[in-house]
């Protein structure tokens, strides 16, 4: 799908320069951003059922806490 957006020249130039610094063109940056925003909305819709399953699970941590040092023991 093609989308046309009105953008003032200075903003478009800054966005173009930023895209070049990222090694992309402006179209790729805009498409990536739209895709991420769409995925975020989808994930937000998936969260309530996941949260409900977690809260109703019989699994318990029994006071266990994450310990960074323990995680890095070799």
Protein backbone atom coordinates (compact mmCIF):
# COMPACT_ATOMS: atom_id res chain seq x y z
CA UNK A 1 0.00 0.00 0.00
CA UNK A 2 1.29 3.46 -0.79
CA UNK A 3 0.71 6.32 1.62
CA UNK A 4 1.26 10.01 0.95
CA UNK A 5 1.97 12.25 3.93
CA UNK A 6 2.30 16.03 4.01
CA UNK A 7 5.54 16.89 5.83
CA UNK A 8 7.32 20.23 5.95
CA UNK A 9 10.69 20.34 4.20
CA UNK A 10 12.96 20.77 7.27
CA UNK A 11 11.32 17.85 9.09
CA UNK A 12 11.58 15.66 5.99
CA UNK A 13 15.27 16.55 5.60
CA UNK A 14 16.04 15.73 9.25
CA UNK A 15 14.18 12.44 8.95
CA UNK A 16 16.06 11.61 5.75
CA UNK A 17 19.42 12.32 7.43
CA UNK A 18 18.46 10.19 10.43
CA UNK A 19 17.45 7.33 8.13
CA UNK A 20 20.79 7.55 6.31
CA UNK A 21 22.63 7.33 9.65
CA UNK A 22 20.69 4.14 10.32
CA UNK A 23 21.76 2.74 6.93
CA UNK A 24 18.20 2.87 5.62
CA UNK A 25 16.12 5.06 3.38
CA UNK A 26 13.24 7.11 4.73
CA UNK A 27 10.65 4.73 3.29
CA UNK A 28 12.21 1.78 5.17
CA UNK A 29 12.22 3.71 8.46
CA UNK A 30 8.57 4.71 8.11
CA UNK A 31 7.55 1.16 7.15
CA UNK A 32 9.50 -0.30 10.09
CA UNK A 33 7.85 2.15 12.48
CA UNK A 34 4.36 1.38 11.20
CA UNK A 35 5.02 -2.34 11.48
CA UNK A 36 6.27 -2.02 15.06
CA UNK A 37 3.25 0.06 16.04
CA UNK A 38 0.92 -2.52 14.54
CA UNK A 39 2.70 -5.33 16.38
CA UNK A 40 2.45 -3.36 19.63
CA UNK A 41 -1.30 -3.10 19.29
CA UNK A 42 -1.56 -6.82 18.58
CA UNK A 43 0.60 -7.67 21.60
CA UNK A 44 -1.52 -5.37 23.79
CA UNK A 45 -4.60 -7.36 22.76
CA UNK A 46 -2.85 -10.63 23.59
CA UNK A 47 -1.75 -9.53 27.06
CA UNK A 48 -5.03 -9.86 29.08
CA UNK A 49 -5.54 -13.59 28.31
CA UNK A 50 -1.86 -14.26 29.07
CA UNK A 51 -2.03 -12.33 32.33
CA UNK A 52 -5.17 -14.21 33.33
CA UNK A 53 -3.52 -17.59 32.67
CA UNK A 54 -0.46 -16.57 34.71
CA UNK A 55 -2.50 -15.35 37.65
CA UNK A 56 -4.68 -18.46 37.72
CA UNK A 57 -1.72 -20.85 37.41
CA UNK A 58 -1.02 -23.12 40.39
CA UNK A 59 2.74 -22.51 39.94
CA UNK A 60 4.33 -20.51 42.76
CA UNK A 61 7.84 -19.17 43.31
CA UNK A 62 7.77 -19.98 47.03
CA UNK A 63 9.75 -16.82 47.85
CA UNK A 64 12.40 -17.36 45.16
CA UNK A 65 13.96 -14.16 43.87
CA UNK A 66 16.22 -13.57 40.87
CA UNK A 67 19.87 -13.35 41.88
CA UNK A 68 22.23 -11.89 39.27
CA UNK A 69 25.33 -13.46 40.84
CA UNK A 70 23.68 -16.88 40.94
CA UNK A 71 22.66 -16.56 37.31
CA UNK A 72 26.28 -15.87 36.29
CA UNK A 73 27.88 -18.68 38.31
CA UNK A 74 29.83 -21.10 36.11
